[in-house]
Amino acid sequence: MNNYQSEVKIFKDFHKNIIGKGGATIKKIRDETNTRIDMPNVMNDSDSIKVTGKRADVEKAVAMIEQIQKELVGAFLFPCGISPWLYPFDSRC
């Protein structure tokens, strides 16, 4: 059955990273998981990405997408785990 669908919330600013240069990242995820991945329109404020396919494939694609966001979020944190945008003058790091 290919009609299982899941929505994954990804920060809107990271959608370009999910798509990748020339669509390479999203194509890789689609090819490896045999899923359909629908990104919201650029003009839409939604942060939800829809993934459709067989349940196991959808779960794998969602995990791959969430991993990209996790890596990107980690890149924005100081080693002590405090976002520089939240605490720009924190001297604990």
Foldseek 3Di string as FASTA:
>chain_A
DWFDKDKDFAQLVCVCVCCDDVRVNVVVLCVVLVWDWADDDPVDPGRIIMIITPPVSSVSSNVVVVVSRVVVVVVQADPVGHGCVVPVPDPPD
